[in-house]
Amino acid sequence: MKFPAPIQKGILVKRYKRFLSDIELDGKTITAHCANPGSMMGVKDEGATVWVTAATNLNRKLQWDWQIIEVGAARVCINTALANKIVHEALTEKSISELSGYNSIRPEVKYGENSRIDFLLSEPDLPDCYVEVKNVTLSRSEGLAEFPDSPTARGTKHLKELAAMAQAGHRAVMLYLVNRTDCTKFSLARDIDPEYAFAFNKATQSGVESLAFGTKIDLSGIKLDLPISKT
């Protein structure tokens, strides 16, 4: 997945009101859209090097999008809106072996109770496969990525709805996209959201599969990388 516009280097001044960030760029301060509703624990330090792109819609209120932050030697994509694009590209290229048998890839399909599944995969003679994608940026221990970074009632709802699909005879997959370059393991942050962890356990018992993948992040774009072990 390529970035929609050339990426530019800046310095984070602050992130605030969830979706706003002030960034020093070329000697002036701009306000960029921060497409991340989570706590962004560990990936919003003031003074950090960040990377932004100019909006392609000139009529938009905010003319910049915050894409990447540097944490030590690692690059972290904080833009949760890109996760589905990265996974869609990987599904199209059949880079995910567990899901490579499906040729029909439909994004944002209504299902459950007023929800939309990120991807519904279909293929004759195979059960439909419901795939939910979560963008992972939290790392509190060296090499270990965790999800979620704050309590997520919405995420818990998704797990319950995936469990219902699995119980109905479909495939259901929770795919964790570790969108940072310094992690080789993945785990749930059970202390941050015990209810999500409980729902995950129940979903697993119902037949929901879970996958975790890393990403390759450079200044031109982001691609799915190798699977990451789950602990």
C-alpha atoms as a PDB file:
ATOM      1  CA  MET A   1       0.000   0.000   0.000  1.00  0.00           C
ATOM      2  CA  LYS A   2       1.491   3.279  -1.119  1.00  0.00           C
ATOM      3  CA  PHE A   3       0.908   6.530   0.720  1.00  0.00           C
ATOM      4  CA  PRO A   4      -1.564   8.766  -1.168  1.00  0.00           C
ATOM      5  CA  ALA A   5       0.894  11.686  -1.330  1.00  0.00           C
ATOM      6  CA  PRO A   6       4.621  12.287  -0.740  1.00  0.00           C
ATOM      7  CA  ILE A   7       5.449  11.927   2.936  1.00  0.00           C
ATOM      8  CA  GLN A   8       7.083  14.761   4.873  1.00  0.00           C
ATOM      9  CA  LYS A   9       9.082  14.807   8.102  1.00  0.00           C
ATOM     10  CA  GLY A  10       8.020  16.827  11.138  1.00  0.00           C
ATOM     11  CA  ILE A  11       8.165  17.021  14.935  1.00  0.00           C
ATOM     12  CA  LEU A  12       5.178  16.204  17.123  1.00  0.00           C
ATOM     13  CA  VAL A  13       4.091  19.141  19.268  1.00  0.00           C
ATOM     14  CA  LYS A  14       1.062  17.421  20.821  1.00  0.00           C
ATOM     15  CA  ARG A  15      -1.861  15.108  20.142  1.00  0.00           C
ATOM     16  CA  TYR A  16      -5.197  16.250  21.574  1.00  0.00           C
ATOM     17  CA  LYS A  17      -8.988  15.853  21.309  1.00  0.00           C
ATOM     18  CA  ARG A  18      -8.339  12.319  20.015  1.00  0.00           C
ATOM     19  CA  PHE A  19      -8.257  13.239  16.333  1.00  0.00           C
ATOM     20  CA  LEU A  20      -6.056  16.330  16.271  1.00  0.00           C
ATOM     21  CA  SER A  21      -2.276  16.735  16.342  1.00  0.00           C
ATOM     22  CA  ASP A  22      -0.058  19.798  16.149  1.00  0.00           C
ATOM     23  CA  ILE A  23       3.139  19.154  14.220  1.00  0.00           C
ATOM     24  CA  GLU A  24       6.106  21.379  13.460  1.00  0.00           C
ATOM     25  CA  LEU A  25       6.709  21.204   9.733  1.00  0.00           C
ATOM     26  CA  ASP A  26       9.209  23.328   7.823  1.00  0.00           C
ATOM     27  CA  GLY A  27       9.459  25.863  10.629  1.00  0.00           C
ATOM     28  CA  LYS A  28       5.738  26.331  11.178  1.00  0.00           C
ATOM     29  CA  THR A  29       3.076  24.492  13.167  1.00  0.00           C
ATOM     30  CA  ILE A  30       0.342  22.687  11.257  1.00  0.00           C
ATOM     31  CA  THR A  31      -2.679  20.779  12.576  1.00  0.00           C
ATOM     32  CA  ALA A  32      -2.972  17.269  11.171  1.00  0.00           C
ATOM     33  CA  HIS A  33      -5.738  14.699  11.360  1.00  0.00           C
ATOM     34  CA  CYS A  34      -4.865  11.873  13.768  1.00  0.00           C
ATOM     35  CA  ALA A  35      -6.805   8.823  12.560  1.00  0.00           C
ATOM     36  CA  ASN A  36      -6.495   6.881  15.793  1.00  0.00           C
ATOM     37  CA  PRO A  37      -9.248   6.757  18.447  1.00  0.00           C
ATOM     38  CA  GLY A  38      -7.184   4.770  20.967  1.00  0.00           C
ATOM     39  CA  SER A  39      -5.042   6.002  23.835  1.00  0.00           C
ATOM     40  CA  MET A  40      -1.903   5.804  21.622  1.00  0.00           C
ATOM     41  CA  MET A  41       0.089   4.782  24.676  1.00  0.00           C
ATOM     42  CA  GLY A  42       3.799   5.067  23.890  1.00  0.00           C
ATOM     43  CA  VAL A  43       3.302   6.465  20.384  1.00  0.00           C
ATOM     44  CA  LYS A  44       2.438  10.111  21.030  1.00  0.00           C
ATOM     45  CA  ASP A  45       5.538  11.464  22.811  1.00  0.00           C
ATOM     46  CA  GLU A  46       5.970  15.173  22.255  1.00  0.00           C
ATOM     47  CA  GLY A  47       9.152  16.004  20.383  1.00  0.00           C
ATOM     48  CA  ALA A  48       9.192  12.715  18.469  1.00  0.00           C
ATOM     49  CA  THR A  49       9.915  12.576  14.747  1.00  0.00           C
ATOM     50  CA  VAL A  50       6.726  12.038  12.771  1.00  0.00           C
ATOM     51  CA  TRP A  51       5.773  11.768   9.115  1.00  0.00           C
ATOM     52  CA  VAL A  52       2.730  13.364   7.491  1.00  0.00           C
ATOM     53  CA  THR A  53       1.089  13.516   4.076  1.00  0.00           C
ATOM     54  CA  ALA A  54      -0.889  16.322   2.496  1.00  0.00           C
ATOM     55  CA  ALA A  55      -4.595  15.683   2.005  1.00  0.00           C
ATOM     56  CA  THR A  56      -5.636  15.004  -1.580  1.00  0.00           C
ATOM     57  CA  ASN A  57      -9.004  16.719  -1.003  1.00  0.00           C
ATOM     58  CA  LEU A  58      -8.307  20.458  -1.014  1.00  0.00           C
ATOM     59  CA  ASN A  59     -11.770  21.179   0.425  1.00  0.00           C
ATOM     60  CA  ARG A  60     -11.094  19.196   3.585  1.00  0.00           C
ATOM     61  CA  LYS A  61     -10.871  21.143   6.851  1.00  0.00           C
ATOM     62  CA  LEU A  62      -7.564  19.536   7.900  1.00  0.00           C
ATOM     63  CA  GLN A  63      -5.051  19.523   5.069  1.00  0.00           C
ATOM     64  CA  TRP A  64      -2.597  17.081   6.657  1.00  0.00           C
ATOM     65  CA  ASP A  65      -2.686  13.457   7.831  1.00  0.00           C
ATOM     66  CA  TRP A  66      -0.349  12.084  10.487  1.00  0.00           C
ATOM     67  CA  GLN A  67       0.891   8.678   9.293  1.00  0.00           C
ATOM     68  CA  ILE A  68       4.026   7.527  11.144  1.00  0.00           C
ATOM     69  CA  ILE A  69       5.889   8.189  14.388  1.00  0.00           C
ATOM     70  CA  GLU A  70       9.433   7.099  15.157  1.00  0.00           C
ATOM     71  CA  VAL A  71       9.885   5.342  18.518  1.00  0.00           C
ATOM     72  CA  GLY A  72      13.572   4.734  19.045  1.00  0.00           C
ATOM     73  CA  ALA A  73      14.766   2.940  15.929  1.00  0.00           C
ATOM     74  CA  ALA A  74      11.271   1.724  15.071  1.00  0.00           C
ATOM     75  CA  ARG A  75       8.634   3.181  12.792  1.00  0.00           C
ATOM     76  CA  VAL A  76       5.012   2.923  13.915  1.00  0.00           C
ATOM     77  CA  CYS A  77       1.985   3.612  11.705  1.00  0.00           C
ATOM     78  CA  ILE A  78      -0.604   5.328  13.895  1.00  0.00           C
ATOM     79  CA  ASN A  79      -3.172   5.765  11.105  1.00  0.00           C
ATOM     80  CA  THR A  80      -5.732   3.048  11.832  1.00  0.00           C
ATOM     81  CA  ALA A  81      -7.524   3.834   8.561  1.00  0.00           C
ATOM     82  CA  LEU A  82      -4.630   2.271   6.626  1.00  0.00           C
ATOM     83  CA  ALA A  83      -4.829  -1.152   8.276  1.00  0.00           C
ATOM     84  CA  ASN A  84      -7.673  -2.398   6.064  1.00  0.00           C
ATOM     85  CA  LYS A  85      -5.927  -1.136   2.936  1.00  0.00           C
ATOM     86  CA  ILE A  86      -2.774  -3.047   3.868  1.00  0.00           C
ATOM     87  CA  VAL A  87      -4.730  -6.238   4.527  1.00  0.00           C
ATOM     88  CA  HIS A  88      -6.864  -5.836   1.386  1.00  0.00           C
ATOM     89  CA  GLU A  89      -3.711  -5.642  -0.706  1.00  0.00           C
ATOM     90  CA  ALA A  90      -2.343  -8.759   0.999  1.00  0.00           C
ATOM     91  CA  LEU A  91      -5.598 -10.659   0.435  1.00  0.00           C
ATOM     92  CA  THR A  92      -5.607  -9.668  -3.237  1.00  0.00           C
ATOM     93  CA  GLU A  93      -1.995 -10.778  -3.616  1.00  0.00           C
ATOM     94  CA  LYS A  94      -2.761 -13.981  -1.642  1.00  0.00           C
ATOM     95  CA  SER A  95       0.028 -13.181   0.808  1.00  0.00           C
ATOM     96  CA  ILE A  96      -1.914 -14.666   3.739  1.00  0.00           C
ATOM     97  CA  SER A  97      -1.685 -18.419   3.280  1.00  0.00           C
ATOM     98  CA  GLU A  98      -4.524 -19.160   5.720  1.00  0.00           C
ATOM     99  CA  LEU A  99      -6.901 -17.107   3.542  1.00  0.00           C
ATOM    100  CA  SER A 100      -5.441 -17.645   0.078  1.00  0.00           C
ATOM    101  CA  GLY A 101      -8.173 -20.036  -1.058  1.00  0.00           C
ATOM    102  CA  TYR A 102     -10.716 -17.246  -1.454  1.00  0.00           C
ATOM    103  CA  ASN A 103     -11.079 -15.210  -4.634  1.00  0.00           C
ATOM    104  CA  SER A 104     -14.081 -13.061  -3.708  1.00  0.00           C
ATOM    105  CA  ILE A 105     -13.062 -10.259  -1.319  1.00  0.00           C
ATOM    106  CA  ARG A 106     -15.870  -7.931  -0.237  1.00  0.00           C
ATOM    107  CA  PRO A 107     -15.062  -5.092   2.171  1.00  0.00           C
ATOM    108  CA  GLU A 108     -17.437  -3.478   4.658  1.00  0.00           C
ATOM    109  CA  VAL A 109     -20.292  -5.987   4.466  1.00  0.00           C
ATOM    110  CA  LYS A 110     -23.187  -5.553   6.906  1.00  0.00           C
ATOM    111  CA  TYR A 111     -23.620  -8.375   9.420  1.00  0.00           C
ATOM    112  CA  GLY A 112     -24.494  -9.014  13.049  1.00  0.00           C
ATOM    113  CA  GLU A 113     -26.182  -6.222  15.017  1.00  0.00           C
ATOM    114  CA  ASN A 114     -25.668  -3.017  13.045  1.00  0.00           C
ATOM    115  CA  SER A 115     -22.047  -3.901  12.288  1.00  0.00           C
ATOM    116  CA  ARG A 116     -19.896  -4.197   9.204  1.00  0.00           C
ATOM    117  CA  ILE A 117     -17.256  -6.887   8.810  1.00  0.00           C
ATOM    118  CA  ASP A 118     -13.960  -5.596   7.429  1.00  0.00           C
ATOM    119  CA  PHE A 119     -13.808  -8.364   4.820  1.00  0.00           C
ATOM    120  CA  LEU A 120     -16.178 -11.125   3.764  1.00  0.00           C
ATOM    121  CA  LEU A 121     -14.329 -13.778   1.760  1.00  0.00           C
ATOM    122  CA  SER A 122     -16.248 -16.210  -0.413  1.00  0.00           C
ATOM    123  CA  GLU A 123     -15.413 -19.152  -2.633  1.00  0.00           C
ATOM    124  CA  PRO A 124     -17.565 -22.000  -3.997  1.00  0.00           C
ATOM    125  CA  ASP A 125     -17.322 -25.143  -1.842  1.00  0.00           C
ATOM    126  CA  LEU A 126     -15.755 -23.199   1.056  1.00  0.00           C
ATOM    127  CA  PRO A 127     -17.523 -21.673   4.057  1.00  0.00           C
ATOM    128  CA  ASP A 128     -17.769 -17.901   3.964  1.00  0.00           C
ATOM    129  CA  CYS A 129     -14.977 -16.297   5.961  1.00  0.00           C
ATOM    130  CA  TYR A 130     -15.540 -13.193   8.111  1.00  0.00           C
ATOM    131  CA  VAL A 131     -12.320 -11.250   8.740  1.00  0.00           C
ATOM    132  CA  GLU A 132     -12.009  -8.447  11.301  1.00  0.00           C
ATOM    133  CA  VAL A 133      -8.795  -6.353  11.312  1.00  0.00           C
ATOM    134  CA  LYS A 134      -7.286  -4.565  14.317  1.00  0.00           C
ATOM    135  CA  ASN A 135      -4.401  -2.097  14.062  1.00  0.00           C
ATOM    136  CA  VAL A 136      -1.816  -2.744  16.810  1.00  0.00           C
ATOM    137  CA  THR A 137       0.623  -0.045  17.961  1.00  0.00           C
ATOM    138  CA  LEU A 138       1.114  -0.720  21.695  1.00  0.00           C
ATOM    139  CA  SER A 139       4.408  -2.152  22.958  1.00  0.00           C
ATOM    140  CA  ARG A 140       5.233  -2.017  26.683  1.00  0.00           C
ATOM    141  CA  SER A 141       7.953  -4.701  26.636  1.00  0.00           C
ATOM    142  CA  GLU A 142      10.797  -5.035  24.154  1.00  0.00           C
ATOM    143  CA  GLY A 143       9.694  -7.000  21.083  1.00  0.00           C
ATOM    144  CA  LEU A 144       6.131  -7.564  22.345  1.00  0.00           C
ATOM    145  CA  ALA A 145       3.096  -5.944  20.696  1.00  0.00           C
ATOM    146  CA  GLU A 146      -0.206  -5.803  22.576  1.00  0.00           C
ATOM    147  CA  PHE A 147      -3.868  -5.051  21.905  1.00  0.00           C
ATOM    148  CA  PRO A 148      -5.862  -3.075  22.922  1.00  0.00           C
ATOM    149  CA  ASP A 149      -4.201   0.115  24.181  1.00  0.00           C
ATOM    150  CA  SER A 150      -7.411   1.214  25.935  1.00  0.00           C
ATOM    151  CA  PRO A 151     -10.761  -0.399  26.845  1.00  0.00           C
ATOM    152  CA  THR A 152     -12.717  -1.144  23.670  1.00  0.00           C
ATOM    153  CA  ALA A 153     -16.403  -1.976  23.916  1.00  0.00           C
ATOM    154  CA  ARG A 154     -16.546  -1.924  20.119  1.00  0.00           C
ATOM    155  CA  GLY A 155     -13.769  -4.514  19.901  1.00  0.00           C
ATOM    156  CA  THR A 156     -15.564  -6.738  22.403  1.00  0.00           C
ATOM    157  CA  LYS A 157     -18.741  -6.486  20.326  1.00  0.00           C
ATOM    158  CA  HIS A 158     -16.803  -7.552  17.229  1.00  0.00           C
ATOM    159  CA  LEU A 159     -15.490 -10.645  19.012  1.00  0.00           C
ATOM    160  CA  LYS A 160     -19.000 -11.650  20.067  1.00  0.00           C
ATOM    161  CA  GLU A 161     -20.311 -11.205  16.537  1.00  0.00           C
ATOM    162  CA  LEU A 162     -17.441 -13.222  15.072  1.00  0.00           C
ATOM    163  CA  ALA A 163     -18.230 -15.964  17.592  1.00  0.00           C
ATOM    164  CA  ALA A 164     -21.829 -15.994  16.366  1.00  0.00           C
ATOM    165  CA  MET A 165     -20.626 -16.415  12.768  1.00  0.00           C
ATOM    166  CA  ALA A 166     -18.377 -19.315  13.758  1.00  0.00           C
ATOM    167  CA  GLN A 167     -21.218 -20.987  15.651  1.00  0.00           C
ATOM    168  CA  ALA A 168     -23.387 -20.620  12.531  1.00  0.00           C
ATOM    169  CA  GLY A 169     -20.868 -22.680  10.539  1.00  0.00           C
ATOM    170  CA  HIS A 170     -18.840 -19.928   8.885  1.00  0.00           C
ATOM    171  CA  ARG A 171     -15.147 -19.184   9.284  1.00  0.00           C
ATOM    172  CA  ALA A 172     -14.385 -16.206  11.491  1.00  0.00           C
ATOM    173  CA  VAL A 173     -10.929 -14.638  11.776  1.00  0.00           C
ATOM    174  CA  MET A 174      -9.560 -11.879  13.988  1.00  0.00           C
ATOM    175  CA  LEU A 175      -6.465 -10.479  12.281  1.00  0.00           C
ATOM    176  CA  TYR A 176      -4.113  -8.339  14.371  1.00  0.00           C
ATOM    177  CA  LEU A 177      -1.922  -6.114  12.213  1.00  0.00           C
ATOM    178  CA  VAL A 178       1.173  -5.172  14.226  1.00  0.00           C
ATOM    179  CA  ASN A 179       1.872  -1.873  12.527  1.00  0.00           C
ATOM    180  CA  ARG A 180       5.327  -1.241  13.966  1.00  0.00           C
ATOM    181  CA  THR A 181       8.753  -2.544  12.972  1.00  0.00           C
ATOM    182  CA  ASP A 182      10.211  -3.626  16.328  1.00  0.00           C
ATOM    183  CA  CYS A 183       7.975  -6.488  17.502  1.00  0.00           C
ATOM    184  CA  THR A 184       8.283 -10.239  16.983  1.00  0.00           C
ATOM    185  CA  LYS A 185       5.581 -11.383  19.430  1.00  0.00           C
ATOM    186  CA  PHE A 186       1.944 -10.494  20.060  1.00  0.00           C
ATOM    187  CA  SER A 187      -0.299 -10.789  23.105  1.00  0.00           C
ATOM    188  CA  LEU A 188      -3.545  -9.394  24.463  1.00  0.00           C
ATOM    189  CA  ALA A 189      -3.225  -6.533  26.963  1.00  0.00           C
ATOM    190  CA  ARG A 190      -5.469  -8.329  29.426  1.00  0.00           C
ATOM    191  CA  ASP A 191      -4.807  -5.843  32.218  1.00  0.00           C
ATOM    192  CA  ILE A 192      -5.986  -2.917  30.077  1.00  0.00           C
ATOM    193  CA  ASP A 193      -9.280  -4.502  29.045  1.00  0.00           C
ATOM    194  CA  PRO A 194     -10.216  -7.710  30.924  1.00  0.00           C
ATOM    195  CA  GLU A 195     -13.635  -7.783  29.221  1.00  0.00           C
ATOM    196  CA  TYR A 196     -12.017  -7.878  25.792  1.00  0.00           C
ATOM    197  CA  ALA A 197      -9.715 -10.690  26.942  1.00  0.00           C
ATOM    198  CA  PHE A 198     -12.702 -12.643  28.285  1.00  0.00           C
ATOM    199  CA  ALA A 199     -14.601 -12.159  25.019  1.00  0.00           C
ATOM    200  CA  PHE A 200     -11.503 -13.284  23.081  1.00  0.00           C
ATOM    201  CA  ASN A 201     -11.329 -16.513  25.097  1.00  0.00           C
ATOM    202  CA  LYS A 202     -15.030 -17.178  24.536  1.00  0.00           C
ATOM    203  CA  ALA A 203     -14.682 -16.430  20.818  1.00  0.00           C
ATOM    204  CA  THR A 204     -11.741 -18.821  20.529  1.00  0.00           C
ATOM    205  CA  GLN A 205     -13.791 -21.537  22.201  1.00  0.00           C
ATOM    206  CA  SER A 206     -16.533 -20.871  19.650  1.00  0.00           C
ATOM    207  CA  GLY A 207     -14.120 -21.451  16.766  1.00  0.00           C
ATOM    208  CA  VAL A 208     -12.895 -17.942  15.958  1.00  0.00           C
ATOM    209  CA  GLU A 209      -9.369 -18.049  14.531  1.00  0.00           C
ATOM    210  CA  SER A 210      -6.739 -15.418  15.313  1.00  0.00           C
ATOM    211  CA  LEU A 211      -3.792 -14.316  13.186  1.00  0.00           C
ATOM    212  CA  ALA A 212      -1.044 -11.764  13.811  1.00  0.00           C
ATOM    213  CA  PHE A 213       1.207 -10.215  11.176  1.00  0.00           C
ATOM    214  CA  GLY A 214       3.959  -7.647  11.190  1.00  0.00           C
ATOM    215  CA  THR A 215       4.442  -4.886   8.640  1.00  0.00           C
ATOM    216  CA  LYS A 216       7.233  -3.424   6.573  1.00  0.00           C
ATOM    217  CA  ILE A 217       7.102   0.361   6.900  1.00  0.00           C
ATOM    218  CA  ASP A 218       9.115   2.739   4.757  1.00  0.00           C
ATOM    219  CA  LEU A 219       8.560   6.259   3.503  1.00  0.00           C
ATOM    220  CA  SER A 220       6.808   5.132   0.341  1.00  0.00           C
ATOM    221  CA  GLY A 221       4.232   2.865   1.943  1.00  0.00           C
ATOM    222  CA  ILE A 222       3.452  -0.175   4.091  1.00  0.00           C
ATOM    223  CA  LYS A 223       3.194  -3.868   3.254  1.00  0.00           C
ATOM    224  CA  LEU A 224       2.223  -6.955   5.200  1.00  0.00           C
ATOM    225  CA  ASP A 225       5.248  -8.783   6.591  1.00  0.00           C
ATOM    226  CA  LEU A 226       5.725 -12.200   8.182  1.00  0.00           C
ATOM    227  CA  PRO A 227       3.400 -13.815  10.726  1.00  0.00           C
ATOM    228  CA  ILE A 228       4.093 -12.922  14.366  1.00  0.00           C
ATOM    229  CA  SER A 229       3.935 -15.509  17.141  1.00  0.00           C
ATOM    230  CA  LYS A 230       1.110 -15.142  19.664  1.00  0.00           C
ATOM    231  CA  THR A 231       1.789 -15.548  23.379  1.00  0.00           C
END
